[in-house]
Protein backbone atom coordinates (compact mmCIF):
# COMPACT_ATOMS: atom_id res chain seq x y z
CA MET A 1 -111.09 -5.43 -77.48
CA LEU A 2 -109.35 -8.07 -75.35
CA LYS A 3 -109.45 -11.71 -76.36
CA ASN A 4 -110.18 -14.49 -73.91
CA PHE A 5 -107.27 -16.72 -72.92
CA GLY A 6 -107.76 -20.30 -71.80
CA SER A 7 -111.08 -20.67 -69.99
CA GLY A 8 -110.92 -17.16 -68.59
CA THR A 9 -113.02 -14.15 -69.47
CA VAL A 10 -112.20 -10.60 -70.46
CA VAL A 11 -113.19 -9.45 -66.99
CA GLN A 12 -110.85 -11.97 -65.39
CA GLU A 13 -108.02 -10.86 -67.65
CA LEU A 14 -108.57 -7.21 -66.74
CA ALA A 15 -108.79 -8.10 -63.04
CA LEU A 16 -105.53 -10.02 -63.33
CA PHE A 17 -103.91 -7.06 -65.08
CA VAL A 18 -105.03 -4.70 -62.28
CA ILE A 19 -103.58 -7.07 -59.65
CA PHE A 20 -100.34 -7.27 -61.63
CA LEU A 21 -100.09 -3.46 -61.79
CA PHE A 22 -100.86 -3.19 -58.08
CA ALA A 23 -98.11 -5.70 -57.23
CA TYR A 24 -95.75 -3.92 -59.63
CA ALA A 25 -96.40 -0.59 -57.89
CA ILE A 26 -95.70 -2.09 -54.47
CA GLN A 27 -92.46 -3.62 -55.74
CA LEU A 28 -91.32 -0.23 -57.04
CA ILE A 29 -92.23 1.39 -53.72
CA TYR A 30 -89.98 -1.08 -51.90
CA TYR A 31 -87.10 -0.78 -54.35
CA LEU A 32 -87.22 2.97 -55.01
CA GLY A 33 -88.77 4.17 -51.76
CA VAL A 34 -87.02 1.90 -49.26
CA TYR A 35 -84.08 -0.11 -50.63
CA LEU A 36 -82.73 2.83 -52.61
CA LYS A 37 -82.32 4.66 -49.30
CA PHE A 38 -79.56 2.22 -48.39
CA VAL A 39 -77.93 2.42 -51.81
CA MET A 40 -77.85 6.24 -51.68
CA TYR A 41 -77.13 6.64 -47.96
CA ARG A 42 -74.14 8.76 -46.99
CA LYS A 43 -73.06 8.78 -43.38
CA LYS A 44 -71.80 11.87 -41.65
CA LYS A 45 -68.15 11.63 -40.73
CA GLU A 46 -67.85 10.66 -37.10
CA LYS A 47 -65.36 12.35 -34.83
CA PRO A 48 -62.62 9.96 -33.69
CA HIS A 49 -63.09 8.82 -30.11
CA SER A 50 -62.27 5.90 -27.89
CA GLN A 51 -65.19 5.16 -25.63
CA PRO A 52 -64.49 1.97 -23.68
CA VAL A 53 -66.15 -1.08 -25.21
CA SER A 54 -66.82 -4.62 -24.02
CA VAL A 55 -66.84 -7.24 -26.79
CA ILE A 56 -68.94 -10.27 -25.85
CA ILE A 57 -68.68 -13.71 -27.48
CA CYS A 58 -70.62 -16.78 -26.38
CA ALA A 59 -69.20 -20.16 -27.31
CA ARG A 60 -70.29 -23.77 -26.99
CA ASN A 61 -67.83 -26.33 -28.37
CA GLU A 62 -66.11 -23.72 -30.53
CA ALA A 63 -62.45 -24.51 -29.74
CA GLU A 64 -61.39 -24.62 -33.38
CA ASN A 65 -63.22 -21.44 -34.34
CA LEU A 66 -61.95 -19.55 -31.29
CA ASN A 67 -58.41 -20.62 -32.05
CA THR A 68 -58.79 -19.32 -35.62
CA HIS A 69 -60.88 -16.15 -35.21
CA LEU A 70 -60.44 -14.84 -31.65
CA PRO A 71 -57.00 -13.27 -32.34
CA PHE A 72 -58.63 -10.97 -34.93
CA VAL A 73 -60.94 -9.69 -32.19
CA LEU A 74 -58.22 -9.40 -29.55
CA GLU A 75 -55.90 -7.48 -31.89
CA GLN A 76 -58.32 -4.71 -32.84
CA ASP A 77 -56.80 -1.25 -33.30
CA TYR A 78 -58.61 0.35 -30.39
CA ASP A 79 -57.35 1.98 -27.23
CA ASN A 80 -59.82 0.92 -24.57
CA PHE A 81 -61.65 -2.38 -24.80
CA GLU A 82 -62.06 -5.79 -23.22
CA VAL A 83 -63.13 -9.10 -24.69
CA ILE A 84 -65.38 -11.42 -22.70
CA VAL A 85 -65.84 -15.00 -23.86
CA VAL A 86 -68.54 -17.05 -22.15
CA ASP A 87 -67.75 -20.77 -22.35
CA ASP A 88 -71.23 -22.28 -22.22
CA CYS A 89 -71.02 -25.95 -21.21
CA SER A 90 -68.36 -26.83 -23.80
CA THR A 91 -67.16 -30.44 -23.89
CA ASP A 92 -64.30 -29.89 -26.36
CA ASP A 93 -61.00 -28.03 -25.85
CA THR A 94 -62.60 -24.57 -25.54
CA GLU A 95 -61.37 -24.09 -21.97
CA ASP A 96 -57.77 -24.95 -22.90
CA VAL A 97 -57.83 -22.60 -25.89
CA LEU A 98 -59.16 -19.75 -23.77
CA THR A 99 -56.52 -20.38 -21.10
CA LEU A 100 -53.75 -20.04 -23.69
CA PHE A 101 -55.22 -16.80 -25.04
CA ARG A 102 -55.71 -15.39 -21.54
CA ASN A 103 -52.01 -15.83 -20.84
CA LYS A 104 -51.16 -13.92 -24.02
CA TYR A 105 -53.86 -11.22 -23.99
CA PRO A 106 -54.55 -9.50 -20.64
CA LEU A 107 -57.66 -7.83 -22.09
CA LEU A 108 -59.36 -11.24 -22.46
CA LYS A 109 -61.74 -12.29 -19.72
CA THR A 110 -63.62 -15.55 -19.58
CA THR A 111 -66.52 -16.99 -17.64
CA THR A 112 -67.72 -20.57 -17.68
CA ILE A 113 -71.13 -22.19 -17.36
CA ARG A 114 -70.75 -25.75 -16.11
CA ARG A 115 -72.90 -28.47 -17.58
CA ASP A 116 -75.85 -29.61 -15.48
CA GLU A 117 -77.81 -32.69 -16.55
CA LYS A 118 -80.92 -31.36 -14.77
CA PHE A 119 -80.83 -28.00 -16.53
CA SER A 120 -80.60 -27.11 -20.22
CA ASN A 121 -79.91 -23.46 -20.97
CA GLY A 122 -80.00 -21.52 -24.21
CA LYS A 123 -77.65 -18.91 -25.56
CA LYS A 124 -79.50 -16.06 -23.87
CA LEU A 125 -78.29 -17.14 -20.42
CA ALA A 126 -74.70 -17.04 -21.67
CA LEU A 127 -75.28 -13.57 -23.11
CA ILE A 128 -76.77 -12.32 -19.84
CA LEU A 129 -73.74 -13.56 -17.91
CA GLY A 130 -71.43 -11.92 -20.44
CA ILE A 131 -73.31 -8.63 -20.13
CA LYS A 132 -73.15 -8.78 -16.32
CA ALA A 133 -69.40 -9.41 -16.49
CA ALA A 134 -68.83 -6.41 -18.83
CA ARG A 135 -67.16 -3.40 -17.22
CA HIS A 136 -68.25 -0.93 -19.93
CA ASP A 137 -71.58 0.46 -21.07
CA LEU A 138 -70.93 -0.05 -24.79
CA LEU A 139 -71.36 -3.70 -25.76
CA LEU A 140 -70.35 -5.22 -29.09
CA PHE A 141 -71.51 -8.75 -29.92
CA THR A 142 -70.25 -11.33 -32.38
CA ASP A 143 -70.03 -15.12 -32.57
CA ALA A 144 -67.14 -17.52 -32.07
CA ASP A 145 -67.22 -18.52 -35.74
CA CYS A 146 -67.03 -14.89 -36.90
CA LYS A 147 -63.95 -13.07 -38.13
CA PRO A 148 -63.79 -9.25 -38.28
CA GLU A 149 -62.88 -8.13 -41.79
CA SER A 150 -60.32 -5.63 -40.45
CA ASN A 151 -58.68 -4.38 -37.28
CA GLN A 152 -60.95 -1.32 -37.55
CA TRP A 153 -64.13 -3.32 -36.91
CA LEU A 154 -64.47 -2.27 -33.28
CA ARG A 155 -63.62 1.35 -34.02
CA MET A 156 -66.14 1.64 -36.84
CA MET A 157 -68.97 0.07 -34.84
CA ALA A 158 -68.25 2.07 -31.68
CA SER A 159 -67.99 5.37 -33.58
CA ASN A 160 -71.77 5.41 -34.05
CA PHE A 161 -72.65 5.66 -30.38
CA THR A 162 -73.80 9.06 -29.16
CA THR A 163 -75.93 10.35 -26.33
CA ASP A 164 -79.02 9.43 -28.38
CA VAL A 165 -77.78 6.33 -30.24
CA SER A 166 -77.95 3.17 -28.14
CA ILE A 167 -78.12 0.47 -30.85
CA VAL A 168 -75.79 -0.04 -33.82
CA LEU A 169 -76.65 -2.51 -36.59
CA GLY A 170 -73.71 -4.06 -38.44
CA TYR A 171 -73.29 -6.52 -41.30
CA GLY A 172 -72.40 -10.14 -40.72
CA GLY A 173 -71.74 -11.91 -44.00
CA TYR A 174 -70.49 -15.39 -44.86
CA PHE A 175 -67.24 -16.57 -46.40
CA PRO A 176 -67.61 -17.24 -50.14
CA GLU A 177 -67.18 -20.86 -51.16
CA SER A 178 -67.99 -22.95 -54.21
CA GLY A 179 -71.45 -24.33 -54.76
CA LEU A 180 -74.99 -23.11 -55.27
CA LEU A 181 -75.90 -23.46 -51.58
CA ASN A 182 -73.18 -21.02 -50.58
CA GLN A 183 -74.38 -18.55 -53.19
CA TYR A 184 -77.96 -18.81 -51.97
CA ILE A 185 -76.94 -18.37 -48.31
CA ARG A 186 -74.91 -15.28 -49.17
CA TYR A 187 -77.71 -13.85 -51.33
CA ASP A 188 -80.27 -14.49 -48.59
CA THR A 189 -78.00 -12.77 -46.06
CA LEU A 190 -77.39 -9.84 -48.39
CA PHE A 191 -81.10 -9.33 -49.10
CA ILE A 192 -82.02 -9.49 -45.40
CA ALA A 193 -79.30 -6.93 -44.67
CA LEU A 194 -80.62 -4.70 -47.47
CA GLN A 195 -84.01 -4.83 -45.77
CA TYR A 196 -83.01 -4.15 -42.18
CA PHE A 197 -80.48 -1.46 -43.12
CA SER A 198 -82.98 0.26 -45.40
CA PHE A 199 -85.78 0.28 -42.86
CA ALA A 200 -83.42 1.52 -40.15
CA ILE A 201 -82.32 4.39 -42.42
CA CYS A 202 -86.04 5.11 -42.95
CA LYS A 203 -86.30 5.48 -39.15
CA ASN A 204 -88.15 2.19 -38.79
CA PRO A 205 -85.59 -0.39 -37.55
CA TYR A 206 -86.94 -3.87 -37.01
CA MET A 207 -84.03 -6.32 -36.60
CA GLY A 208 -80.29 -6.89 -36.46
CA VAL A 209 -77.96 -9.91 -36.48
CA GLY A 210 -75.98 -11.17 -33.51
CA ARG A 211 -72.92 -11.77 -35.67
CA ASN A 212 -72.37 -8.01 -35.66
CA LEU A 213 -74.52 -5.99 -33.27
CA ALA A 214 -73.86 -3.39 -30.60
CA TYR A 215 -75.95 -1.74 -27.91
CA LYS A 216 -75.61 -0.06 -24.54
CA LYS A 217 -75.64 -2.04 -21.33
CA SER A 218 -77.82 0.63 -19.76
CA LEU A 219 -80.45 0.09 -22.49
CA PHE A 220 -80.37 -3.65 -21.88
CA TYR A 221 -81.12 -3.23 -18.18
CA SER A 222 -83.65 -0.44 -18.53
CA GLY A 223 -85.55 -2.53 -21.11
CA LYS A 224 -85.45 -5.67 -18.91
CA GLY A 225 -83.17 -7.52 -21.29
CA PHE A 226 -84.57 -10.70 -22.84
CA SER A 227 -87.28 -11.16 -20.20
CA SER A 228 -90.22 -10.99 -22.63
CA HIS A 229 -88.84 -13.72 -24.90
CA LEU A 230 -86.51 -15.71 -22.69
CA HIS A 231 -88.56 -18.83 -23.41
CA LEU A 232 -87.79 -18.69 -27.14
CA ALA A 233 -84.91 -20.58 -28.75
CA SER A 234 -83.88 -17.51 -30.72
CA GLY A 235 -84.40 -13.76 -30.61
CA ASP A 236 -81.34 -12.58 -28.71
CA ASP A 237 -80.53 -10.36 -31.69
CA ASP A 238 -83.48 -9.70 -34.02
CA LEU A 239 -86.27 -9.81 -31.43
CA TYR A 240 -84.25 -7.74 -28.96
CA VAL A 241 -83.73 -5.08 -31.63
CA ASN A 242 -87.39 -5.27 -32.65
CA GLU A 243 -88.43 -4.54 -29.08
CA HIS A 244 -86.02 -1.74 -28.26
CA ALA A 245 -84.91 -0.03 -31.49
CA THR A 246 -86.45 3.27 -32.55
CA GLY A 247 -85.81 5.67 -35.39
CA ARG A 248 -83.88 7.90 -33.01
CA ASN A 249 -81.79 5.46 -30.96
CA THR A 250 -80.54 3.25 -33.82
CA ALA A 251 -77.64 3.74 -36.23
CA VAL A 252 -76.29 1.60 -39.08
CA GLU A 253 -72.68 0.74 -39.87
CA PHE A 254 -71.87 -1.04 -43.13
CA SER A 255 -68.41 0.21 -44.12
CA ALA A 256 -66.17 -2.55 -45.47
CA GLU A 257 -63.93 -2.33 -42.39
CA SER A 258 -66.87 -3.03 -40.08
CA HIS A 259 -68.03 -6.33 -41.56
CA THR A 260 -67.67 -9.75 -40.00
CA ARG A 261 -67.58 -13.04 -41.89
CA SER A 262 -68.81 -16.42 -40.69
CA ILE A 263 -68.49 -19.98 -41.89
CA PRO A 264 -71.72 -20.89 -43.74
CA LYS A 265 -73.56 -24.15 -43.27
CA GLN A 266 -72.16 -26.87 -45.49
CA THR A 267 -75.33 -28.90 -46.04
CA ILE A 268 -78.92 -28.04 -46.89
CA GLU A 269 -80.15 -29.86 -43.77
CA LYS A 270 -78.01 -27.78 -41.41
CA TRP A 271 -78.94 -24.55 -43.18
CA VAL A 272 -82.65 -25.42 -42.99
CA LEU A 273 -82.35 -25.94 -39.22
CA GLN A 274 -80.58 -22.59 -38.87
CA LYS A 275 -83.19 -20.82 -41.00
CA LYS A 276 -86.10 -22.42 -39.15
CA ARG A 277 -84.63 -21.23 -35.87
CA HIS A 278 -84.59 -17.69 -37.22
CA PHE A 279 -88.21 -18.00 -38.34
CA THR A 280 -89.36 -18.79 -34.79
CA THR A 281 -89.08 -15.13 -33.79
CA SER A 282 -90.73 -13.27 -36.68
CA ARG A 283 -94.25 -13.93 -35.40
CA TYR A 284 -93.35 -11.93 -32.26
CA TYR A 285 -92.32 -8.80 -34.17
CA LYS A 286 -94.35 -5.64 -33.82
CA VAL A 287 -97.47 -5.72 -36.01
CA LYS A 288 -96.26 -2.93 -38.30
CA HIS A 289 -93.00 -4.76 -38.91
CA LYS A 290 -94.71 -8.06 -39.66
CA PHE A 291 -96.86 -6.20 -42.16
CA LEU A 292 -93.88 -4.56 -43.85
CA ILE A 293 -91.85 -7.75 -44.21
CA VAL A 294 -94.82 -9.80 -45.46
CA VAL A 295 -96.11 -7.30 -48.04
CA GLU A 296 -92.92 -7.36 -50.11
CA PRO A 297 -92.73 -11.13 -50.83
CA PHE A 298 -96.52 -11.32 -51.22
CA SER A 299 -96.49 -8.54 -53.83
CA ARG A 300 -93.51 -10.23 -55.49
CA LEU A 301 -95.46 -13.46 -55.75
CA LEU A 302 -98.45 -11.65 -57.28
CA PHE A 303 -96.12 -9.84 -59.67
CA TYR A 304 -94.52 -13.05 -60.98
CA ALA A 305 -97.85 -14.92 -61.14
CA GLY A 306 -99.52 -12.07 -63.02
CA PHE A 307 -96.58 -11.79 -65.41
CA PHE A 308 -96.59 -15.48 -66.38
CA LEU A 309 -100.38 -15.63 -66.78
CA LEU A 310 -100.59 -12.43 -68.81
CA LEU A 311 -97.98 -13.66 -71.28
CA PHE A 312 -100.94 -15.25 -73.07
CA SER A 313 -102.55 -11.85 -73.68
CA GLU A 314 -101.42 -10.34 -76.98
CA GLU A 315 -103.00 -6.94 -76.25
CA LEU A 316 -101.43 -6.57 -72.79
CA LEU A 317 -98.08 -8.16 -73.60
CA PRO A 318 -96.25 -4.86 -74.37
CA PHE A 319 -97.40 -3.38 -71.05
CA ILE A 320 -96.42 -6.34 -68.91
CA MET A 321 -93.06 -6.69 -70.67
CA ALA A 322 -92.32 -3.01 -70.06
CA ALA A 323 -93.28 -3.31 -66.38
CA PHE A 324 -91.23 -6.48 -65.98
CA GLY A 325 -88.24 -4.84 -67.66
CA ILE A 326 -88.38 -1.74 -65.45
CA ARG A 327 -88.68 -3.82 -62.30
CA LEU A 328 -85.84 -6.11 -63.46
CA LEU A 329 -83.51 -3.19 -64.23
CA THR A 330 -84.31 -1.55 -60.89
CA GLN A 331 -83.69 -4.82 -59.07
CA LEU A 332 -80.33 -5.38 -60.78
CA ILE A 333 -79.12 -1.85 -60.00
CA VAL A 334 -80.13 -2.05 -56.32
CA ILE A 335 -78.67 -5.55 -55.82
CA LYS A 336 -75.43 -4.62 -57.58
CA LYS A 337 -75.00 -1.46 -55.50
CA THR A 338 -75.78 -3.45 -52.35
CA MET A 339 -73.19 -6.07 -53.30
CA ILE A 340 -70.60 -3.31 -53.65
CA ARG A 341 -71.51 -1.75 -50.30
CA LEU A 342 -71.44 -5.08 -48.48
CA ASN A 343 -68.41 -6.42 -50.34
CA GLU A 344 -70.22 -9.42 -51.81
CA LYS A 345 -69.16 -10.80 -55.18
CA ASN A 346 -70.52 -13.10 -57.91
CA LEU A 347 -74.17 -12.97 -56.86
CA LEU A 348 -75.77 -10.69 -59.44
CA ILE A 349 -76.79 -13.19 -62.14
CA ASN A 350 -78.02 -15.85 -59.73
CA SER A 351 -79.91 -13.21 -57.76
CA LEU A 352 -82.50 -13.18 -60.57
CA PHE A 353 -83.17 -16.87 -59.95
CA PHE A 354 -82.93 -16.59 -56.15
CA ASP A 355 -85.41 -13.70 -56.15
CA PHE A 356 -88.04 -16.11 -57.46
CA ILE A 357 -87.27 -19.37 -55.67
CA SER A 358 -86.77 -17.67 -52.28
CA LEU A 359 -90.54 -17.09 -52.23
CA PHE A 360 -91.17 -20.83 -52.11
CA VAL A 361 -88.18 -21.65 -49.90
CA ASN A 362 -89.18 -19.16 -47.21
CA PHE A 363 -92.87 -20.03 -47.38
CA GLY A 364 -92.04 -23.72 -47.10
CA LEU A 365 -89.82 -23.12 -44.07
CA TYR A 366 -92.50 -20.95 -42.46
CA LEU A 367 -95.15 -23.66 -42.89
CA SER A 368 -92.74 -26.30 -41.61
CA ASN A 369 -92.19 -24.25 -38.46
CA ARG A 370 -95.91 -23.85 -37.94
CA PHE A 371 -96.73 -27.56 -38.18
CA ARG A 372 -93.42 -29.04 -36.98
CA PRO A 373 -91.96 -26.55 -34.47
CA LEU A 374 -88.20 -26.58 -34.06
CA ARG A 375 -86.93 -28.06 -30.81
CA HIS A 376 -84.99 -25.69 -28.55
CA GLN A 377 -81.42 -25.24 -29.79
CA TRP A 378 -78.54 -23.22 -28.35
CA LYS A 379 -77.63 -21.81 -31.77
């Protein structure tokens, strides 16, 4: 019935079609069984409260960013909170900027790590000192280059804490700018958020981002903090969550008022270094999480490969076109709904292209990390 194509055989064509259908089924499971959970998720209305919160920001040579963004943190509409900025060996005007803000905002506290030529510390040490300096059990983390989208950021994040909930995952996006690199960075951030929010809603949280993350100080100490991965350049956010988050103790917060925005990398080289740093931690995730985050891109690769190869089969063409169309429509709906929920704009059309090329970008970065490991960086 089926004609040969190229040098292949009928058996090979059928085998390829079975692989294509298998990959297609896995893709639908992810989109309809996992990602759709985020799109359809409706949070219960939280009762207003004002539990005391300590906001912690670590900064190294971030004078300009602190001067621009710190007021948006200090002027949150919240009754009981403090802001702790850890100045980690800065050589710019960070100390002067913080002194000026301290005089204006009594709720601001600062601590400084002095530079030592004999000792090079990473960001985790700064975070530990910030946590030790915090007076409150509820800790909210962001970066010096991050700006809360509203003065309700702190309130929305803190509202998720209960007796059972000890970790709150938020969304940290990037400011939109012109250029394809900016679009790709924002798409990559959006898709990662879609994944970690969806899995958390499915009671299987596996990561969060330090640009917008909250957890209890008591959990940090009872879980021995960063001790198991203190030697790694990264992991203060995603690996910490991977170790300590459970389906019961983790909540998600993605309302528009709760977002933060950061300045994206301006060059491909700087973005590659940032992305490689993030890749250093994924190998240390729990086995089940590594499986879940690898299966999706692998099935996507098989899906695209099977689709392009089976285009030469006249008999199977209607079936593969139908499958491709259904997957494409599902993808567009989920990405569009996610864009709305995370307040991201002008990404939908390019997301079709990014969905394909991200397979090769991420695989290339992963291989680069394996054969040319990234040197230790603060951030």
